[in-house]
Amino acid sequence: MTTMITLKKICAELKVDPRDARERLRLAVKNPKKYPALAKNRKPGEAWEWPDKSTALTEAKKAVQET
């Protein structure tokens, strides 16, 4: 079974406000050239969560850290 990593866990790990993180992720999903796995795996209305050790998780962390 695959462990899912939630946005809440990423925010706690990176010490980022969840509201800011969601805003950054929404912008990242609109940029499929820079974040292809993140854009491909996002479905509107679903929770912000990714399988552990996936490319989409790596891209999500990168997007959340950018200012």
PDB file of N, CA and C in Angstrom:
ATOM      1  N   MET A   1       0.837  -1.185   0.000  1.00  0.00           N
ATOM      2  CA  MET A   1       0.000   0.000   0.000  1.00  0.00           C
ATOM      3  C   MET A   1       0.880   1.245   0.000  1.00  0.00           C
ATOM      4  N   THR A   2       0.504   2.218  -0.780  1.00  0.00           N
ATOM      5  CA  THR A   2       1.267   3.452  -0.915  1.00  0.00           C
ATOM      6  C   THR A   2       0.856   4.450   0.165  1.00  0.00           C
ATOM      7  N   THR A   3       1.831   5.036   0.805  1.00  0.00           N
ATOM      8  CA  THR A   3       1.574   6.075   1.788  1.00  0.00           C
ATOM      9  C   THR A   3       1.326   7.394   1.073  1.00  0.00           C
ATOM     10  N   MET A   4       0.269   8.078   1.452  1.00  0.00           N
ATOM     11  CA  MET A   4      -0.049   9.368   0.852  1.00  0.00           C
ATOM     12  C   MET A   4       0.461  10.487   1.769  1.00  0.00           C
ATOM     13  N   ILE A   5       1.092  11.482   1.167  1.00  0.00           N
ATOM     14  CA  ILE A   5       1.610  12.634   1.896  1.00  0.00           C
ATOM     15  C   ILE A   5       0.665  13.798   1.635  1.00  0.00           C
ATOM     16  N   THR A   6       0.141  14.388   2.688  1.00  0.00           N
ATOM     17  CA  THR A   6      -0.824  15.474   2.551  1.00  0.00           C
ATOM     18  C   THR A   6      -0.124  16.834   2.542  1.00  0.00           C
ATOM     19  N   LEU A   7      -0.852  17.816   2.074  1.00  0.00           N
ATOM     20  CA  LEU A   7      -0.334  19.178   2.067  1.00  0.00           C
ATOM     21  C   LEU A   7      -0.068  19.656   3.492  1.00  0.00           C
ATOM     22  N   LYS A   8      -0.895  19.243   4.426  1.00  0.00           N
ATOM     23  CA  LYS A   8      -0.705  19.623   5.825  1.00  0.00           C
ATOM     24  C   LYS A   8       0.663  19.162   6.332  1.00  0.00           C
ATOM     25  N   LYS A   9       1.041  17.951   5.972  1.00  0.00           N
ATOM     26  CA  LYS A   9       2.338  17.409   6.392  1.00  0.00           C
ATOM     27  C   LYS A   9       3.489  18.167   5.737  1.00  0.00           C
ATOM     28  N   ILE A  10       3.342  18.493   4.457  1.00  0.00           N
ATOM     29  CA  ILE A  10       4.372  19.263   3.757  1.00  0.00           C
ATOM     30  C   ILE A  10       4.526  20.639   4.385  1.00  0.00           C
ATOM     31  N   CYS A  11       3.403  21.288   4.698  1.00  0.00           N
ATOM     32  CA  CYS A  11       3.447  22.622   5.305  1.00  0.00           C
ATOM     33  C   CYS A  11       4.136  22.593   6.668  1.00  0.00           C
ATOM     34  N   ALA A  12       3.878  21.562   7.452  1.00  0.00           N
ATOM     35  CA  ALA A  12       4.527  21.435   8.761  1.00  0.00           C
ATOM     36  C   ALA A  12       6.021  21.208   8.587  1.00  0.00           C
ATOM     37  N   GLU A  13       6.384  20.385   7.623  1.00  0.00           N
ATOM     38  CA  GLU A  13       7.791  20.071   7.371  1.00  0.00           C
ATOM     39  C   GLU A  13       8.564  21.302   6.885  1.00  0.00           C
ATOM     40  N   LEU A  14       7.944  22.091   6.002  1.00  0.00           N
ATOM     41  CA  LEU A  14       8.619  23.234   5.398  1.00  0.00           C
ATOM     42  C   LEU A  14       8.329  24.557   6.114  1.00  0.00           C
ATOM     43  N   LYS A  15       7.468  24.493   7.148  1.00  0.00           N
ATOM     44  CA  LYS A  15       7.072  25.681   7.911  1.00  0.00           C
ATOM     45  C   LYS A  15       6.491  26.773   6.994  1.00  0.00           C
ATOM     46  N   VAL A  16       5.458  26.362   6.235  1.00  0.00           N
ATOM     47  CA  VAL A  16       4.773  27.241   5.297  1.00  0.00           C
ATOM     48  C   VAL A  16       3.297  27.286   5.677  1.00  0.00           C
ATOM     49  N   ASP A  17       2.684  28.452   5.528  1.00  0.00           N
ATOM     50  CA  ASP A  17       1.259  28.604   5.798  1.00  0.00           C
ATOM     51  C   ASP A  17       0.454  27.825   4.751  1.00  0.00           C
ATOM     52  N   PRO A  18      -0.494  26.986   5.164  1.00  0.00           N
ATOM     53  CA  PRO A  18      -1.267  26.181   4.208  1.00  0.00           C
ATOM     54  C   PRO A  18      -1.994  27.011   3.145  1.00  0.00           C
ATOM     55  N   ARG A  19      -2.475  28.171   3.514  1.00  0.00           N
ATOM     56  CA  ARG A  19      -3.176  29.028   2.545  1.00  0.00           C
ATOM     57  C   ARG A  19      -2.222  29.465   1.432  1.00  0.00           C
ATOM     58  N   ASP A  20      -1.013  29.886   1.814  1.00  0.00           N
ATOM     59  CA  ASP A  20       0.002  30.279   0.822  1.00  0.00           C
ATOM     60  C   ASP A  20       0.409  29.084  -0.032  1.00  0.00           C
ATOM     61  N   ALA A  21       0.530  27.932   0.599  1.00  0.00           N
ATOM     62  CA  ALA A  21       0.933  26.722  -0.118  1.00  0.00           C
ATOM     63  C   ALA A  21      -0.101  26.347  -1.179  1.00  0.00           C
ATOM     64  N   ARG A  22      -1.373  26.409  -0.833  1.00  0.00           N
ATOM     65  CA  ARG A  22      -2.420  26.084  -1.813  1.00  0.00           C
ATOM     66  C   ARG A  22      -2.404  27.051  -2.981  1.00  0.00           C
ATOM     67  N   GLU A  23      -2.181  28.326  -2.687  1.00  0.00           N
ATOM     68  CA  GLU A  23      -2.115  29.335  -3.742  1.00  0.00           C
ATOM     69  C   GLU A  23      -0.943  29.038  -4.695  1.00  0.00           C
ATOM     70  N   ARG A  24       0.205  28.704  -4.126  1.00  0.00           N
ATOM     71  CA  ARG A  24       1.383  28.383  -4.948  1.00  0.00           C
ATOM     72  C   ARG A  24       1.157  27.119  -5.772  1.00  0.00           C
ATOM     73  N   LEU A  25       0.474  26.140  -5.193  1.00  0.00           N
ATOM     74  CA  LEU A  25       0.193  24.908  -5.926  1.00  0.00           C
ATOM     75  C   LEU A  25      -0.783  25.144  -7.073  1.00  0.00           C
ATOM     76  N   ARG A  26      -1.780  25.991  -6.844  1.00  0.00           N
ATOM     77  CA  ARG A  26      -2.724  26.310  -7.918  1.00  0.00           C
ATOM     78  C   ARG A  26      -1.996  26.943  -9.099  1.00  0.00           C
ATOM     79  N   LEU A  27      -1.062  27.836  -8.808  1.00  0.00           N
ATOM     80  CA  LEU A  27      -0.275  28.459  -9.873  1.00  0.00           C
ATOM     81  C   LEU A  27       0.632  27.436 -10.552  1.00  0.00           C
ATOM     82  N   ALA A  28       1.205  26.536  -9.786  1.00  0.00           N
ATOM     83  CA  ALA A  28       2.103  25.526 -10.341  1.00  0.00           C
ATOM     84  C   ALA A  28       1.357  24.573 -11.274  1.00  0.00           C
ATOM     85  N   VAL A  29       0.145  24.215 -10.926  1.00  0.00           N
ATOM     86  CA  VAL A  29      -0.645  23.296 -11.754  1.00  0.00           C
ATOM     87  C   VAL A  29      -0.940  23.931 -13.116  1.00  0.00           C
ATOM     88  N   LYS A  30      -1.020  25.241 -13.159  1.00  0.00           N
ATOM     89  CA  LYS A  30      -1.279  25.941 -14.416  1.00  0.00           C
ATOM     90  C   LYS A  30      -0.028  26.051 -15.291  1.00  0.00           C
ATOM     91  N   ASN A  31       1.105  25.569 -14.793  1.00  0.00           N
ATOM     92  CA  ASN A  31       2.365  25.634 -15.529  1.00  0.00           C
ATOM     93  C   ASN A  31       2.888  24.207 -15.788  1.00  0.00           C
ATOM     94  N   PRO A  32       2.270  23.482 -16.740  1.00  0.00           N
ATOM     95  CA  PRO A  32       2.660  22.084 -16.962  1.00  0.00           C
ATOM     96  C   PRO A  32       4.062  21.896 -17.531  1.00  0.00           C
ATOM     97  N   LYS A  33       4.642  22.936 -18.118  1.00  0.00           N
ATOM     98  CA  LYS A  33       6.007  22.791 -18.634  1.00  0.00           C
ATOM     99  C   LYS A  33       7.016  22.701 -17.487  1.00  0.00           C
ATOM    100  N   LYS A  34       6.777  23.451 -16.429  1.00  0.00           N
ATOM    101  CA  LYS A  34       7.690  23.458 -15.285  1.00  0.00           C
ATOM    102  C   LYS A  34       7.365  22.337 -14.293  1.00  0.00           C
ATOM    103  N   TYR A  35       6.083  22.005 -14.152  1.00  0.00           N
ATOM    104  CA  TYR A  35       5.630  20.985 -13.194  1.00  0.00           C
ATOM    105  C   TYR A  35       4.746  19.955 -13.900  1.00  0.00           C
ATOM    106  N   PRO A  36       5.298  19.138 -14.794  1.00  0.00           N
ATOM    107  CA  PRO A  36       4.453  18.208 -15.580  1.00  0.00           C
ATOM    108  C   PRO A  36       3.734  17.153 -14.744  1.00  0.00           C
ATOM    109  N   ALA A  37       4.407  16.539 -13.786  1.00  0.00           N
ATOM    110  CA  ALA A  37       3.769  15.485 -12.977  1.00  0.00           C
ATOM    111  C   ALA A  37       2.691  16.067 -12.069  1.00  0.00           C
ATOM    112  N   LEU A  38       2.950  17.233 -11.540  1.00  0.00           N
ATOM    113  CA  LEU A  38       1.985  17.889 -10.654  1.00  0.00           C
ATOM    114  C   LEU A  38       0.722  18.254 -11.431  1.00  0.00           C
ATOM    115  N   ALA A  39       0.894  18.826 -12.610  1.00  0.00           N
ATOM    116  CA  ALA A  39      -0.250  19.216 -13.439  1.00  0.00           C
ATOM    117  C   ALA A  39      -1.040  17.998 -13.910  1.00  0.00           C
ATOM    118  N   LYS A  40      -0.338  16.926 -14.252  1.00  0.00           N
ATOM    119  CA  LYS A  40      -0.996  15.720 -14.760  1.00  0.00           C
ATOM    120  C   LYS A  40      -1.829  15.025 -13.682  1.00  0.00           C
ATOM    121  N   ASN A  41      -1.352  15.001 -12.450  1.00  0.00           N
ATOM    122  CA  ASN A  41      -2.016  14.265 -11.381  1.00  0.00           C
ATOM    123  C   ASN A  41      -3.088  15.060 -10.646  1.00  0.00           C
ATOM    124  N   ARG A  42      -3.211  16.344 -10.892  1.00  0.00           N
ATOM    125  CA  ARG A  42      -4.185  17.159 -10.160  1.00  0.00           C
ATOM    126  C   ARG A  42      -5.566  17.054 -10.777  1.00  0.00           C
ATOM    127  N   LYS A  43      -6.551  16.765  -9.920  1.00  0.00           N
ATOM    128  CA  LYS A  43      -7.947  16.737 -10.333  1.00  0.00           C
ATOM    129  C   LYS A  43      -8.709  17.717  -9.436  1.00  0.00           C
ATOM    130  N   PRO A  44      -9.431  18.660 -10.031  1.00  0.00           N
ATOM    131  CA  PRO A  44     -10.160  19.655  -9.234  1.00  0.00           C
ATOM    132  C   PRO A  44     -11.104  18.997  -8.232  1.00  0.00           C
ATOM    133  N   GLY A  45     -11.128  19.550  -7.048  1.00  0.00           N
ATOM    134  CA  GLY A  45     -12.025  19.061  -6.001  1.00  0.00           C
ATOM    135  C   GLY A  45     -11.432  17.976  -5.124  1.00  0.00           C
ATOM    136  N   GLU A  46     -10.296  17.421  -5.524  1.00  0.00           N
ATOM    137  CA  GLU A  46      -9.655  16.385  -4.706  1.00  0.00           C
ATOM    138  C   GLU A  46      -8.689  17.026  -3.718  1.00  0.00           C
ATOM    139  N   ALA A  47      -8.377  16.275  -2.680  1.00  0.00           N
ATOM    140  CA  ALA A  47      -7.446  16.763  -1.657  1.00  0.00           C
ATOM    141  C   ALA A  47      -6.049  16.899  -2.247  1.00  0.00           C
ATOM    142  N   TRP A  48      -5.281  17.830  -1.679  1.00  0.00           N
ATOM    143  CA  TRP A  48      -3.884  17.992  -2.077  1.00  0.00           C
ATOM    144  C   TRP A  48      -3.082  16.920  -1.356  1.00  0.00           C
ATOM    145  N   GLU A  49      -2.851  15.794  -2.014  1.00  0.00           N
ATOM    146  CA  GLU A  49      -2.039  14.716  -1.462  1.00  0.00           C
ATOM    147  C   GLU A  49      -1.390  13.935  -2.592  1.00  0.00           C
ATOM    148  N   TRP A  50      -0.222  13.369  -2.290  1.00  0.00           N
ATOM    149  CA  TRP A  50       0.575  12.685  -3.291  1.00  0.00           C
ATOM    150  C   TRP A  50       1.156  11.418  -2.710  1.00  0.00           C
ATOM    151  N   PRO A  51       1.413  10.409  -3.572  1.00  0.00           N
ATOM    152  CA  PRO A  51       2.076   9.191  -3.093  1.00  0.00           C
ATOM    153  C   PRO A  51       3.496   9.511  -2.633  1.00  0.00           C
ATOM    154  N   ASP A  52       3.935   8.858  -1.580  1.00  0.00           N
ATOM    155  CA  ASP A  52       5.279   9.065  -1.048  1.00  0.00           C
ATOM    156  C   ASP A  52       6.324   8.707  -2.106  1.00  0.00           C
ATOM    157  N   LYS A  53       7.355   9.494  -2.194  1.00  0.00           N
ATOM    158  CA  LYS A  53       8.482   9.290  -3.120  1.00  0.00           C
ATOM    159  C   LYS A  53       8.087   9.375  -4.588  1.00  0.00           C
ATOM    160  N   SER A  54       7.031  10.131  -4.902  1.00  0.00           N
ATOM    161  CA  SER A  54       6.622  10.291  -6.297  1.00  0.00           C
ATOM    162  C   SER A  54       7.204  11.586  -6.870  1.00  0.00           C
ATOM    163  N   THR A  55       7.223  11.666  -8.178  1.00  0.00           N
ATOM    164  CA  THR A  55       7.692  12.870  -8.859  1.00  0.00           C
ATOM    165  C   THR A  55       6.766  14.040  -8.550  1.00  0.00           C
ATOM    166  N   ALA A  56       5.473  13.776  -8.493  1.00  0.00           N
ATOM    167  CA  ALA A  56       4.508  14.833  -8.197  1.00  0.00           C
ATOM    168  C   ALA A  56       4.743  15.412  -6.803  1.00  0.00           C
ATOM    169  N   LEU A  57       5.098  14.576  -5.840  1.00  0.00           N
ATOM    170  CA  LEU A  57       5.392  15.062  -4.483  1.00  0.00           C
ATOM    171  C   LEU A  57       6.617  15.959  -4.497  1.00  0.00           C
ATOM    172  N   THR A  58       7.643  15.567  -5.218  1.00  0.00           N
ATOM    173  CA  THR A  58       8.856  16.373  -5.329  1.00  0.00           C
ATOM    174  C   THR A  58       8.539  17.732  -5.947  1.00  0.00           C
ATOM    175  N   GLU A  59       7.740  17.730  -6.997  1.00  0.00           N
ATOM    176  CA  GLU A  59       7.350  18.977  -7.648  1.00  0.00           C
ATOM    177  C   GLU A  59       6.476  19.825  -6.735  1.00  0.00           C
ATOM    178  N   ALA A  60       5.594  19.209  -5.960  1.00  0.00           N
ATOM    179  CA  ALA A  60       4.740  19.945  -5.032  1.00  0.00           C
ATOM    180  C   ALA A  60       5.585  20.650  -3.972  1.00  0.00           C
ATOM    181  N   LYS A  61       6.562  19.947  -3.422  1.00  0.00           N
ATOM    182  CA  LYS A  61       7.441  20.562  -2.423  1.00  0.00           C
ATOM    183  C   LYS A  61       8.220  21.725  -3.023  1.00  0.00           C
ATOM    184  N   LYS A  62       8.684  21.550  -4.251  1.00  0.00           N
ATOM    185  CA  LYS A  62       9.423  22.610  -4.929  1.00  0.00           C
ATOM    186  C   LYS A  62       8.528  23.829  -5.138  1.00  0.00           C
ATOM    187  N   ALA A  63       7.294  23.602  -5.563  1.00  0.00           N
ATOM    188  CA  ALA A  63       6.351  24.700  -5.809  1.00  0.00           C
ATOM    189  C   ALA A  63       5.999  25.434  -4.529  1.00  0.00           C
ATOM    190  N   VAL A  64       5.822  24.697  -3.447  1.00  0.00           N
ATOM    191  CA  VAL A  64       5.462  25.309  -2.160  1.00  0.00           C
ATOM    192  C   VAL A  64       6.609  26.160  -1.614  1.00  0.00           C
ATOM    193  N   GLN A  65       7.835  25.752  -1.856  1.00  0.00           N
ATOM    194  CA  GLN A  65       8.992  26.487  -1.346  1.00  0.00           C
ATOM    195  C   GLN A  65       9.282  27.762  -2.127  1.00  0.00           C
ATOM    196  N   GLU A  66       8.854  27.847  -3.375  1.00  0.00           N
ATOM    197  CA  GLU A  66       9.138  29.029  -4.180  1.00  0.00           C
ATOM    198  C   GLU A  66       8.335  30.222  -3.680  1.00  0.00           C
ATOM    199  N   THR A  67       8.917  31.389  -3.840  1.00  0.00           N
ATOM    200  CA  THR A  67       8.227  32.618  -3.426  1.00  0.00           C
ATOM    201  C   THR A  67       7.898  33.483  -4.602  1.00  0.00           C
TER     202      THR A  67
END
